[in-house]
Amino acid sequence: MRLLHTMLRVGDLQRSIDFYTQVLGMNLLRTSENPEYKYSLAFIGYGNGNPDQAEIELTYNWGVDKYEMGGAYGHIAIGVPDAYAACEKIKAAGGNVTREAGPVKGGTTVIAFVTDPDGYKVELIQRAEHAEGAGLR
């Protein structure tokens, strides 16, 4: 078994594509439209996505511009070589850093949090092995 993708429902597909590609450095991998059932999909990720890396499926249900976050959802995590530099790059691109880079409470791992336009949280985890091929250099 392998993790293929995580699906997020979004209120504005293009706004979400712009955030994940322009702010977080992902690639738009493919899109599809389903007029019969009134939804559009966009798959984003780093590199070429599957099978090398899992993807994010952005789902836009036509006419729905907002969702309740609920209490069960946590966050998506992305490995970055330098969380401090990633935060600066994200802010410069218009992204919303909601927790600046720094050690996790009770530990030494450097993390940060960003919130996407729909309110989903994205954790940045500083990891040396992600220095190559990361979109947030």
Protein backbone atom coordinates (compact mmCIF):
# COMPACT_ATOMS: atom_id res chain seq x y z
CA MET A 1 0.00 0.00 0.00
CA ARG A 2 1.04 3.60 -0.47
CA LEU A 3 -0.47 6.99 0.26
CA LEU A 4 -1.71 8.53 -3.01
CA HIS A 5 -3.37 11.81 -2.07
CA THR A 6 -5.24 13.89 0.48
CA MET A 7 -8.44 15.61 -0.66
CA LEU A 8 -9.37 19.13 0.45
CA ARG A 9 -12.69 20.80 -0.42
CA VAL A 10 -12.06 24.39 -1.45
CA GLY A 11 -14.28 27.42 -2.01
CA ASP A 12 -12.38 28.87 -4.99
CA LEU A 13 -10.34 26.43 -7.07
CA GLN A 14 -8.10 28.98 -8.79
CA ARG A 15 -7.36 30.78 -5.51
CA SER A 16 -6.27 27.46 -3.98
CA ILE A 17 -4.20 26.46 -7.02
CA ASP A 18 -2.47 29.86 -6.86
CA PHE A 19 -1.70 29.45 -3.13
CA TYR A 20 -0.25 25.96 -3.39
CA THR A 21 1.73 26.67 -6.58
CA GLN A 22 2.82 30.29 -6.10
CA VAL A 23 3.18 30.40 -2.31
CA LEU A 24 4.17 26.81 -1.43
CA GLY A 25 5.99 26.01 -4.69
CA MET A 26 3.96 22.96 -5.72
CA ASN A 27 3.15 22.03 -9.31
CA LEU A 28 -0.30 21.80 -10.86
CA LEU A 29 -0.22 18.18 -12.02
CA ARG A 30 -3.63 17.75 -13.67
CA THR A 31 -7.21 19.00 -13.61
CA SER A 32 -10.60 17.56 -14.50
CA GLU A 33 -14.17 18.80 -14.77
CA ASN A 34 -17.35 16.83 -14.09
CA PRO A 35 -20.30 18.93 -15.33
CA GLU A 36 -22.83 16.16 -14.72
CA TYR A 37 -22.06 16.10 -10.99
CA LYS A 38 -20.98 19.75 -10.79
CA TYR A 39 -17.45 19.53 -9.44
CA SER A 40 -13.90 20.32 -10.57
CA LEU A 41 -10.65 18.73 -9.42
CA ALA A 42 -7.04 19.89 -9.41
CA PHE A 43 -4.16 17.69 -8.30
CA ILE A 44 -1.09 19.46 -6.96
CA GLY A 45 2.20 18.30 -5.52
CA TYR A 46 5.97 18.47 -5.66
CA GLY A 47 7.95 17.08 -8.56
CA ASN A 48 5.74 14.90 -10.74
CA GLY A 49 3.54 13.71 -7.88
CA ASN A 50 2.62 10.02 -7.90
CA PRO A 51 4.26 7.58 -7.68
CA ASP A 52 7.26 9.45 -6.20
CA GLN A 53 5.27 11.67 -3.82
CA ALA A 54 1.72 11.89 -2.56
CA GLU A 55 -0.48 14.63 -4.00
CA ILE A 56 -3.20 16.96 -2.76
CA GLU A 57 -6.55 16.77 -4.54
CA LEU A 58 -8.34 20.12 -4.47
CA THR A 59 -12.08 19.58 -4.95
CA TYR A 60 -14.39 22.44 -5.87
CA ASN A 61 -18.10 21.61 -5.65
CA TRP A 62 -19.73 24.16 -7.92
CA GLY A 63 -21.58 26.87 -6.02
CA VAL A 64 -20.06 26.07 -2.60
CA ASP A 65 -17.68 28.83 -1.53
CA LYS A 66 -17.03 27.92 2.12
CA TYR A 67 -16.83 24.87 4.38
CA GLU A 68 -16.87 24.34 8.12
CA MET A 69 -13.44 23.20 9.31
CA GLY A 70 -14.69 20.92 12.07
CA GLY A 71 -12.61 19.80 15.01
CA ALA A 72 -11.07 16.61 13.65
CA TYR A 73 -8.84 17.97 10.88
CA GLY A 74 -5.26 18.71 11.92
CA HIS A 75 -2.85 19.73 9.18
CA ILE A 76 -0.75 18.76 6.18
CA ALA A 77 3.01 18.54 6.86
CA ILE A 78 5.73 19.53 4.38
CA GLY A 79 9.45 18.92 4.92
CA VAL A 80 11.62 21.96 4.21
CA PRO A 81 15.39 22.46 4.45
CA ASP A 82 15.08 25.79 6.34
CA ALA A 83 11.77 26.70 8.03
CA TYR A 84 12.90 30.27 8.76
CA ALA A 85 13.72 30.94 5.08
CA ALA A 86 10.52 29.18 3.98
CA CYS A 87 8.43 31.49 6.19
CA GLU A 88 10.08 34.57 4.72
CA LYS A 89 9.50 33.30 1.19
CA ILE A 90 5.86 32.48 1.97
CA LYS A 91 5.23 35.92 3.50
CA ALA A 92 6.89 37.62 0.51
CA ALA A 93 4.52 35.68 -1.78
CA GLY A 94 1.48 36.85 0.21
CA GLY A 95 1.02 33.72 2.32
CA ASN A 96 -0.27 33.73 5.89
CA VAL A 97 2.31 32.44 8.40
CA THR A 98 0.32 31.73 11.56
CA ARG A 99 3.19 30.34 13.65
CA GLU A 100 6.68 31.61 12.97
CA ALA A 101 9.54 29.14 12.64
CA GLY A 102 11.02 27.93 15.91
CA PRO A 103 11.48 24.84 18.04
CA VAL A 104 8.39 22.75 18.76
CA LYS A 105 7.22 23.05 22.37
CA GLY A 106 9.15 20.56 24.47
CA GLY A 107 11.56 19.63 21.66
CA THR A 108 14.21 20.81 19.25
CA THR A 109 12.60 20.19 15.84
CA VAL A 110 12.04 23.52 14.07
CA ILE A 111 8.49 23.94 12.76
CA ALA A 112 6.19 26.67 11.48
CA PHE A 113 2.55 26.86 10.40
CA VAL A 114 0.91 28.46 7.39
CA THR A 115 -2.83 28.74 6.73
CA ASP A 116 -4.18 28.39 3.19
CA PRO A 117 -7.00 30.59 1.79
CA ASP A 118 -9.68 28.13 2.97
CA GLY A 119 -8.28 27.94 6.51
CA TYR A 120 -6.44 24.61 6.21
CA LYS A 121 -3.26 24.43 8.26
CA VAL A 122 0.06 23.45 6.69
CA GLU A 123 2.98 22.59 8.97
CA LEU A 124 6.53 23.19 7.78
CA ILE A 125 9.04 20.83 9.39
CA GLN A 126 12.73 21.63 9.02
CA ARG A 127 14.53 18.49 7.82
CA ALA A 128 17.96 18.32 6.22
CA GLU A 129 16.95 15.47 3.87
CA HIS A 130 14.45 17.79 2.14
CA ALA A 131 17.13 20.20 0.92
CA GLU A 132 16.99 18.72 -2.62
CA GLY A 133 13.83 18.97 -4.70
CA ALA A 134 11.79 20.97 -2.19
CA GLY A 135 9.58 23.72 -3.56
CA LEU A 136 10.24 25.95 -0.53
CA ARG A 137 13.96 26.57 -0.74
